[in-house]
Amino acid sequence: MNRIFLDVHALQTVPPSNLNRDDTGAPKSAVYGGVPRARVSSQAWKRATRTYFQDEHLLDASELGVRTKKIVEAVAARITDLDTSLSHEDALRIADETVKAAGLKTEVPKRKTSAAKDGEPDPAPQSKYLVFLSARQLDALARLAVDGATDITAYLADKKNKGKAKQLVDSHHSVDIALFGRMVADAADINVDAAVQVAHALSVHRVDNESDYYTAVDDENTEEETGAGMIGTVDFNSATLYRYAALGVHQLAANLGKGLREDEPRTDPVRRAVEAFVHGFVASLPTGKINTFGHHTLPDAVIVKMRTTRPVSFVAAFEDPVRGETGGYVREASERLAQYIPEIERAYGDEDSTLTWVLRVGPNTHKLAALGTEAASLGELVTAVGQATAERLEKPA
């Protein structure tokens, strides 16, 4: 299969906010180019992208997965849907045996056991770690469990059936598993290599965190009782961020395997996944302290490149921090990219096989327009990238 990489770059300005906190509650930061920068971790933006798929209905629920410790309960719920004669307790029992046969370790958390009251049923077992399974994998495990429900222990003692349980969790991956991968430390044979790599978003300029001192008033306070009902502080910063993600389309296609739906070309699920990722990554936003700051912004500029060589980040354009001497940072950041990108493409790129699209807003980003094909909207950008992906996939290797 042809090697196809998608690089997604974005400049996004956020007002005073605390999108992603460290262990002290302060916005995460990093030193780059010798100065402190605002930072939003890759995990925070990957999580935001995954939830955006579902919240905005970019993908059907059957194409998505769930990451949870409550995997036994998830399978049990599907078991009772398939066989209404089984009690909840029996469904949990055979679900637990089936999940363990698939190579996943389960246990009843001690805190739940100690908290259970006399006369109540035993708490449901949980996996010892977060497990990422697709909706179709959960459905398949439930069907297997129902097939052996009369004597699940003997049924799964059969090597053929136990092997099937393992095979079921290692096929029919959901789009989000295919994109972001799956790692199970004690069942490495069902790991999935991620097709997407997401960089930590960094401010293009120096950032120093600030602190907001706030008070809350007691609504029932009497005139004789002076002072606030509560006082506290919250740390924040504001920044123009450079965001970057790389998607290996060939790895995504390998992870998805055959079409997610019956009788569809193999390129269809890959195209849907690519379009959902580009849309979700660009438009999503981590929600840390969002009720406090309401930091609802969208990128000022997005650049998408499709290449066959290797992923390339343009973060080095900002190793020397933007000074913002003309007011704000977006204009200078755009000018930096408009100068840096052609130079690095000339030195290392392959012009004949590289496609570029640009989505931008406002006069401060106008110099980026010359970098590639301009899209008038996010929808137009997403459709163009999806169509080019399908065409590249159909070309002979």
Protein backbone atom coordinates (compact mmCIF):
# COMPACT_ATOMS: atom_id res chain seq x y z
CA MET A 1 0.00 0.00 0.00
CA ASN A 2 1.15 3.54 -0.75
CA ARG A 3 2.57 5.52 2.16
CA ILE A 4 0.30 8.49 2.76
CA PHE A 5 0.77 11.02 5.55
CA LEU A 6 -1.52 13.87 6.49
CA ASP A 7 -0.03 16.76 8.43
CA VAL A 8 -2.55 19.05 10.11
CA HIS A 9 -1.26 22.40 11.38
CA ALA A 10 -3.32 25.07 13.14
CA LEU A 11 -2.83 28.50 14.68
CA GLN A 12 -5.39 29.10 17.40
CA THR A 13 -5.67 31.98 19.85
CA VAL A 14 -7.27 31.34 23.23
CA PRO A 15 -8.19 34.10 25.70
CA PRO A 16 -7.52 33.84 29.45
CA SER A 17 -8.11 30.15 30.16
CA ASN A 18 -6.83 27.01 31.83
CA LEU A 19 -7.43 24.36 29.19
CA ASN A 20 -5.14 21.70 30.65
CA ARG A 21 -3.94 21.74 34.28
CA ASP A 22 -0.86 20.25 35.90
CA ASP A 23 -0.80 18.64 39.36
CA THR A 24 -0.80 22.06 41.04
CA GLY A 25 -3.82 23.31 39.09
CA ALA A 26 -1.77 25.69 36.94
CA PRO A 27 -1.93 25.65 33.13
CA LYS A 28 0.66 23.27 31.72
CA SER A 29 3.78 24.88 30.32
CA ALA A 30 7.09 24.03 28.65
CA VAL A 31 10.37 25.75 27.84
CA TYR A 32 11.00 26.02 24.09
CA GLY A 33 13.48 28.35 22.42
CA GLY A 34 14.77 29.27 25.87
CA VAL A 35 11.51 30.83 27.10
CA PRO A 36 8.42 29.50 28.91
CA ARG A 37 5.49 28.66 26.66
CA ALA A 38 1.86 27.78 27.25
CA ARG A 39 1.28 24.07 26.58
CA VAL A 40 -1.76 21.87 26.05
CA SER A 41 -0.91 18.17 26.23
CA SER A 42 -1.48 15.83 23.33
CA GLN A 43 -3.70 13.63 25.52
CA ALA A 44 -6.00 16.57 26.26
CA TRP A 45 -6.53 17.34 22.59
CA LYS A 46 -6.85 13.67 21.60
CA ARG A 47 -9.56 13.26 24.22
CA ALA A 48 -11.31 16.39 22.93
CA THR A 49 -11.12 15.05 19.37
CA ARG A 50 -12.55 11.64 20.35
CA THR A 51 -15.49 13.14 22.22
CA TYR A 52 -16.13 15.53 19.32
CA PHE A 53 -16.72 12.53 17.03
CA GLN A 54 -19.68 11.50 19.15
CA ASP A 55 -20.95 14.88 20.32
CA GLU A 56 -21.14 16.27 16.78
CA HIS A 57 -22.23 12.97 15.18
CA LEU A 58 -19.27 12.88 12.84
CA LEU A 59 -19.36 9.08 12.97
CA ASP A 60 -22.06 6.51 13.65
CA ALA A 61 -22.03 4.95 17.12
CA SER A 62 -21.24 1.57 15.53
CA GLU A 63 -17.94 3.02 14.26
CA LEU A 64 -16.80 4.21 17.69
CA GLY A 65 -15.46 2.53 20.80
CA VAL A 66 -15.47 3.02 24.55
CA ARG A 67 -12.50 3.24 26.91
CA THR A 68 -13.50 2.02 30.35
CA LYS A 69 -12.78 -0.30 33.26
CA LYS A 70 -16.47 -1.28 33.30
CA ILE A 71 -16.01 -3.66 30.40
CA VAL A 72 -17.80 -6.55 32.12
CA GLU A 73 -20.91 -4.45 32.67
CA ALA A 74 -20.81 -3.28 29.06
CA VAL A 75 -20.74 -6.86 27.79
CA ALA A 76 -23.37 -7.96 30.33
CA ALA A 77 -25.78 -5.28 29.14
CA ARG A 78 -25.47 -6.61 25.60
CA ILE A 79 -25.93 -10.20 26.83
CA THR A 80 -29.29 -9.41 28.46
CA ASP A 81 -30.35 -7.65 25.25
CA LEU A 82 -29.60 -10.84 23.31
CA ASP A 83 -31.12 -13.26 25.85
CA THR A 84 -33.77 -11.76 28.09
CA SER A 85 -34.11 -15.03 30.04
CA LEU A 86 -30.72 -14.45 31.71
CA SER A 87 -30.68 -12.58 35.01
CA HIS A 88 -28.42 -9.59 35.53
CA GLU A 89 -26.22 -11.62 37.87
CA ASP A 90 -25.87 -14.49 35.37
CA ALA A 91 -25.07 -12.02 32.60
CA LEU A 92 -22.32 -10.47 34.71
CA ARG A 93 -20.89 -13.89 35.52
CA ILE A 94 -20.67 -15.13 31.94
CA ALA A 95 -19.51 -11.71 30.74
CA ASP A 96 -16.66 -11.80 33.26
CA GLU A 97 -15.59 -15.27 32.11
CA THR A 98 -15.69 -14.20 28.47
CA VAL A 99 -13.71 -11.03 29.08
CA LYS A 100 -11.04 -13.01 30.93
CA ALA A 101 -10.92 -15.56 28.10
CA ALA A 102 -10.08 -12.68 25.77
CA GLY A 103 -6.93 -12.07 27.83
CA LEU A 104 -8.15 -9.15 29.95
CA LYS A 105 -7.72 -9.29 33.72
CA THR A 106 -10.67 -8.43 35.93
CA GLU A 107 -11.29 -7.96 39.64
CA VAL A 108 -13.92 -6.63 42.02
CA PRO A 109 -12.50 -3.37 43.41
CA LYS A 110 -11.93 -3.61 47.15
CA ARG A 111 -13.49 -0.22 47.76
CA LYS A 112 -16.72 -1.42 46.15
CA THR A 113 -16.71 -4.67 48.10
CA SER A 114 -16.22 -2.88 51.41
CA ALA A 115 -18.90 -0.34 50.57
CA ALA A 116 -21.50 -2.95 49.64
CA LYS A 117 -24.32 -3.29 52.16
CA ASP A 118 -25.64 -6.56 53.55
CA GLY A 119 -28.20 -8.16 51.28
CA GLU A 120 -27.01 -6.34 48.19
CA PRO A 121 -25.65 -8.29 45.20
CA ASP A 122 -21.90 -8.50 44.80
CA PRO A 123 -20.38 -5.54 42.92
CA ALA A 124 -19.64 -6.08 39.24
CA PRO A 125 -16.07 -7.02 38.31
CA GLN A 126 -13.96 -4.44 36.49
CA SER A 127 -10.86 -4.69 34.38
CA LYS A 128 -7.68 -3.75 36.22
CA TYR A 129 -6.97 -1.01 33.68
CA LEU A 130 -8.80 1.06 31.11
CA VAL A 131 -9.67 -1.05 28.07
CA PHE A 132 -10.50 0.43 24.67
CA LEU A 133 -12.97 -1.77 22.76
CA SER A 134 -15.16 -1.05 19.75
CA ALA A 135 -18.94 -1.37 19.80
CA ARG A 136 -18.66 -4.30 17.40
CA GLN A 137 -16.09 -6.04 19.62
CA LEU A 138 -18.39 -5.71 22.63
CA ASP A 139 -21.30 -7.05 20.60
CA ALA A 140 -19.23 -10.01 19.40
CA LEU A 141 -18.09 -10.90 22.94
CA ALA A 142 -21.71 -10.82 24.10
CA ARG A 143 -22.78 -13.18 21.31
CA LEU A 144 -19.96 -15.57 22.19
CA ALA A 145 -20.98 -15.49 25.85
CA VAL A 146 -24.62 -16.25 24.99
CA ASP A 147 -23.53 -19.21 22.84
CA GLY A 148 -21.84 -20.75 25.86
CA ALA A 149 -24.22 -19.52 28.53
CA THR A 150 -25.39 -22.99 29.66
CA ASP A 151 -21.88 -23.83 30.92
CA ILE A 152 -19.57 -20.92 30.24
CA THR A 153 -16.59 -22.43 32.06
CA ALA A 154 -16.61 -25.61 29.99
CA TYR A 155 -17.39 -23.67 26.82
CA LEU A 156 -14.38 -21.40 27.19
CA ALA A 157 -12.15 -24.27 28.28
CA ASP A 158 -12.32 -25.36 24.65
CA LYS A 159 -9.21 -23.89 23.00
CA LYS A 160 -11.18 -23.05 19.88
CA ASN A 161 -13.70 -20.92 21.78
CA LYS A 162 -11.05 -19.28 23.94
CA GLY A 163 -9.06 -18.45 20.84
CA LYS A 164 -12.16 -16.96 19.29
CA ALA A 165 -12.58 -14.65 22.28
CA LYS A 166 -9.06 -13.30 21.73
CA GLN A 167 -9.65 -12.99 18.01
CA LEU A 168 -12.85 -11.01 18.56
CA VAL A 169 -11.08 -8.23 20.48
CA ASP A 170 -8.37 -7.98 17.83
CA SER A 171 -10.58 -7.45 14.79
CA HIS A 172 -13.27 -5.00 13.66
CA HIS A 173 -11.56 -2.06 15.32
CA SER A 174 -13.54 1.14 15.66
CA VAL A 175 -12.37 4.32 13.96
CA ASP A 176 -11.13 5.87 17.22
CA ILE A 177 -9.12 2.75 18.11
CA ALA A 178 -7.64 2.67 14.60
CA LEU A 179 -6.71 6.34 14.89
CA PHE A 180 -5.43 6.59 18.46
CA GLY A 181 -4.33 3.00 19.09
CA ARG A 182 -4.71 0.70 22.05
CA MET A 183 -2.17 -0.49 24.61
CA VAL A 184 -2.80 -3.36 27.04
CA ALA A 185 0.35 -4.07 29.04
CA ASP A 186 -0.40 -7.70 29.96
CA ALA A 187 -2.05 -8.58 26.61
CA ALA A 188 0.39 -7.09 24.13
CA ASP A 189 -0.92 -9.30 21.33
CA ILE A 190 -4.08 -7.19 21.11
CA ASN A 191 -2.27 -3.85 21.07
CA VAL A 192 -3.04 -1.53 18.15
CA ASP A 193 -0.42 0.85 16.79
CA ALA A 194 -1.87 4.36 16.59
CA ALA A 195 -2.24 5.88 13.14
CA VAL A 196 -2.24 9.39 14.63
CA GLN A 197 0.50 11.29 16.43
CA VAL A 198 -0.53 14.51 18.17
CA ALA A 199 2.02 17.08 19.34
CA HIS A 200 1.69 19.09 22.51
CA ALA A 201 0.24 22.45 21.47
CA LEU A 202 2.72 25.25 22.22
CA SER A 203 2.33 29.00 22.28
CA VAL A 204 4.28 30.74 19.54
CA HIS A 205 5.41 33.35 22.06
CA ARG A 206 6.58 33.64 25.64
CA VAL A 207 3.84 33.10 28.23
CA ASP A 208 3.85 33.68 31.97
CA ASN A 209 0.96 32.29 33.98
CA GLU A 210 -1.25 34.68 35.93
CA SER A 211 -3.46 34.14 38.96
CA ASP A 212 -7.03 35.31 39.51
CA TYR A 213 -8.14 35.98 43.10
CA TYR A 214 -11.88 35.49 43.43
CA THR A 215 -14.56 35.62 46.11
CA ALA A 216 -18.02 34.10 46.34
CA VAL A 217 -20.86 35.74 48.24
CA ASP A 218 -23.27 33.82 50.46
CA ASP A 219 -26.76 34.61 49.13
CA GLU A 220 -28.24 34.17 52.60
CA ASN A 221 -25.70 36.36 54.34
CA THR A 222 -27.18 38.90 56.76
CA GLU A 223 -26.07 42.51 57.04
CA GLU A 224 -24.30 41.78 60.31
CA GLU A 225 -22.11 39.10 58.68
CA THR A 226 -19.49 40.77 56.54
CA GLY A 227 -16.96 39.15 54.24
CA ALA A 228 -17.08 36.55 51.49
CA GLY A 229 -18.50 33.08 51.81
CA MET A 230 -15.51 31.65 49.96
CA ILE A 231 -12.25 32.94 48.54
CA GLY A 232 -9.73 31.29 46.26
CA THR A 233 -7.39 31.62 43.31
CA VAL A 234 -7.27 30.09 39.85
CA ASP A 235 -4.26 30.21 37.52
CA PHE A 236 -4.66 31.03 33.84
CA ASN A 237 -2.90 32.29 30.73
CA SER A 238 -3.74 33.37 27.20
CA ALA A 239 -1.85 32.35 24.07
CA THR A 240 -1.70 31.90 20.33
CA LEU A 241 -1.03 28.18 20.00
CA TYR A 242 0.65 26.20 17.24
CA ARG A 243 -1.10 22.83 17.01
CA TYR A 244 0.09 19.84 14.98
CA ALA A 245 -0.99 16.27 14.27
CA ALA A 246 0.27 13.65 11.83
CA LEU A 247 -1.95 10.88 10.44
CA GLY A 248 -0.51 7.82 8.70
CA VAL A 249 -3.34 6.97 6.32
CA HIS A 250 -1.73 3.66 5.34
CA GLN A 251 -1.55 2.64 9.03
CA LEU A 252 -5.16 3.71 9.51
CA ALA A 253 -6.23 1.55 6.57
CA ALA A 254 -4.33 -1.43 7.97
CA ASN A 255 -5.92 -0.96 11.41
CA LEU A 256 -9.43 -0.73 10.01
CA GLY A 257 -8.97 -3.73 7.75
CA LYS A 258 -12.07 -4.58 5.76
CA GLY A 259 -14.95 -2.15 5.43
CA LEU A 260 -16.77 -1.36 8.64
CA ARG A 261 -20.03 -1.90 6.81
CA GLU A 262 -20.97 -4.81 4.60
CA ASP A 263 -20.50 -4.50 0.84
CA GLU A 264 -18.55 -1.23 0.89
CA PRO A 265 -15.18 -0.51 -0.74
CA ARG A 266 -12.21 -0.57 1.60
CA THR A 267 -11.51 3.08 0.89
CA ASP A 268 -14.90 4.21 2.29
CA PRO A 269 -14.23 3.67 6.02
CA VAL A 270 -10.74 5.14 5.64
CA ARG A 271 -12.15 8.22 3.95
CA ARG A 272 -14.82 8.63 6.66
CA ALA A 273 -12.17 8.24 9.37
CA VAL A 274 -9.84 10.79 7.73
CA GLU A 275 -12.64 13.31 7.30
CA ALA A 276 -13.80 12.82 10.90
CA PHE A 277 -10.27 13.23 12.24
CA VAL A 278 -9.48 16.40 10.27
CA HIS A 279 -12.83 17.91 11.24
CA GLY A 280 -12.61 16.78 14.87
CA PHE A 281 -9.00 17.81 15.45
CA VAL A 282 -9.50 21.25 13.92
CA ALA A 283 -12.80 22.09 15.61
CA SER A 284 -12.46 20.41 19.02
CA LEU A 285 -11.37 22.18 22.18
CA PRO A 286 -10.27 20.89 25.61
CA THR A 287 -12.83 21.90 28.23
CA GLY A 288 -10.66 22.45 31.30
CA LYS A 289 -12.17 25.25 33.43
CA ILE A 290 -14.43 26.17 30.51
CA ASN A 291 -17.30 27.25 32.79
CA THR A 292 -14.90 29.69 34.45
CA PHE A 293 -13.33 31.14 31.31
CA GLY A 294 -15.65 30.36 28.38
CA HIS A 295 -12.68 30.05 26.02
CA HIS A 296 -14.68 29.05 22.93
CA THR A 297 -12.43 29.85 19.98
CA LEU A 298 -11.63 28.24 16.63
CA PRO A 299 -8.34 28.28 14.69
CA ASP A 300 -7.32 31.43 12.85
CA ALA A 301 -5.60 29.27 10.23
CA VAL A 302 -5.39 25.60 9.29
CA ILE A 303 -2.89 24.06 6.88
CA VAL A 304 -3.25 20.44 5.76
CA LYS A 305 -0.54 18.69 3.76
CA MET A 306 -0.73 15.26 2.14
CA ARG A 307 2.67 13.77 1.48
CA THR A 308 4.38 10.45 0.78
CA THR A 309 7.73 11.12 2.43
CA ARG A 310 7.40 11.53 6.21
CA PRO A 311 5.49 13.73 8.65
CA VAL A 312 6.88 17.25 9.08
CA SER A 313 6.03 19.64 11.90
CA PHE A 314 6.57 23.36 11.37
CA VAL A 315 7.07 24.16 15.05
CA ALA A 316 10.67 25.22 14.37
CA ALA A 317 9.28 28.38 12.77
CA PHE A 318 8.59 29.52 16.34
CA GLU A 319 11.80 28.39 18.05
CA ASP A 320 12.60 32.09 18.15
CA PRO A 321 9.49 33.29 19.99
CA VAL A 322 7.14 35.69 18.26
CA ARG A 323 7.46 39.14 19.84
CA GLY A 324 4.10 40.60 18.89
CA GLU A 325 5.65 44.03 18.46
CA THR A 326 2.96 45.11 16.00
CA GLY A 327 0.17 44.06 18.37
CA GLY A 328 -1.03 40.49 18.80
CA TYR A 329 0.70 37.35 17.57
CA VAL A 330 -1.40 35.88 14.74
CA ARG A 331 -0.07 38.17 12.00
CA GLU A 332 3.60 37.53 12.76
CA ALA A 333 2.98 33.81 13.34
CA SER A 334 1.30 33.57 9.92
CA GLU A 335 4.16 35.45 8.29
CA ARG A 336 6.66 33.11 9.94
CA LEU A 337 4.85 30.06 8.55
CA ALA A 338 4.44 31.64 5.11
CA GLN A 339 8.22 32.06 4.96
CA TYR A 340 9.31 28.85 6.70
CA ILE A 341 7.09 26.31 4.95
CA PRO A 342 8.31 26.93 1.37
CA GLU A 343 11.90 26.84 2.56
CA ILE A 344 11.64 23.50 4.35
CA GLU A 345 9.60 22.02 1.49
CA ARG A 346 12.27 23.16 -0.99
CA ALA A 347 15.02 21.55 1.10
CA TYR A 348 13.30 18.32 2.10
CA GLY A 349 9.93 18.00 0.39
CA ASP A 350 8.64 16.34 -2.76
CA GLU A 351 6.59 18.93 -4.63
CA ASP A 352 5.26 16.43 -7.19
CA SER A 353 3.60 14.23 -4.56
CA THR A 354 2.61 16.82 -1.93
CA LEU A 355 -0.82 18.45 -1.79
CA THR A 356 -1.63 21.48 0.38
CA TRP A 357 -4.90 23.03 1.54
CA VAL A 358 -5.35 26.24 3.52
CA LEU A 359 -8.31 27.40 5.61
CA ARG A 360 -7.89 30.84 7.14
CA VAL A 361 -9.83 33.67 8.75
CA GLY A 362 -9.17 37.42 8.64
CA PRO A 363 -6.50 39.72 7.17
CA ASN A 364 -3.82 38.69 9.66
CA THR A 365 -3.49 35.30 7.92
CA HIS A 366 -3.59 36.46 4.29
CA LYS A 367 0.05 35.56 3.58
CA LEU A 368 -0.79 31.87 4.15
CA ALA A 369 -3.15 31.85 1.17
CA ALA A 370 -0.31 31.34 -1.29
CA LEU A 371 0.77 28.06 0.34
CA GLY A 372 -1.92 25.90 -1.26
CA THR A 373 -5.52 25.51 -2.36
CA GLU A 374 -7.74 27.75 -0.27
CA ALA A 375 -10.89 26.25 1.22
CA ALA A 376 -13.81 28.54 1.90
CA SER A 377 -15.05 26.53 4.89
CA LEU A 378 -14.11 23.66 7.16
CA GLY A 379 -16.62 21.45 5.36
CA GLU A 380 -15.01 22.20 2.02
CA LEU A 381 -11.55 21.47 3.45
CA VAL A 382 -12.67 18.16 4.96
CA THR A 383 -14.35 17.02 1.74
CA ALA A 384 -11.30 17.91 -0.38
CA VAL A 385 -8.92 16.02 1.93
CA GLY A 386 -11.23 13.00 2.04
CA GLN A 387 -11.55 12.85 -1.72
CA ALA A 388 -7.78 13.14 -2.23
CA THR A 389 -7.25 10.37 0.34
CA ALA A 390 -9.58 7.99 -1.48
CA GLU A 391 -7.90 8.75 -4.81
CA ARG A 392 -4.43 8.12 -3.38
CA LEU A 393 -5.55 4.84 -1.78
CA GLU A 394 -6.93 3.59 -5.09
CA LYS A 395 -3.65 4.17 -6.92
CA PRO A 396 -1.52 1.06 -7.38
CA ALA A 397 1.45 0.85 -5.02
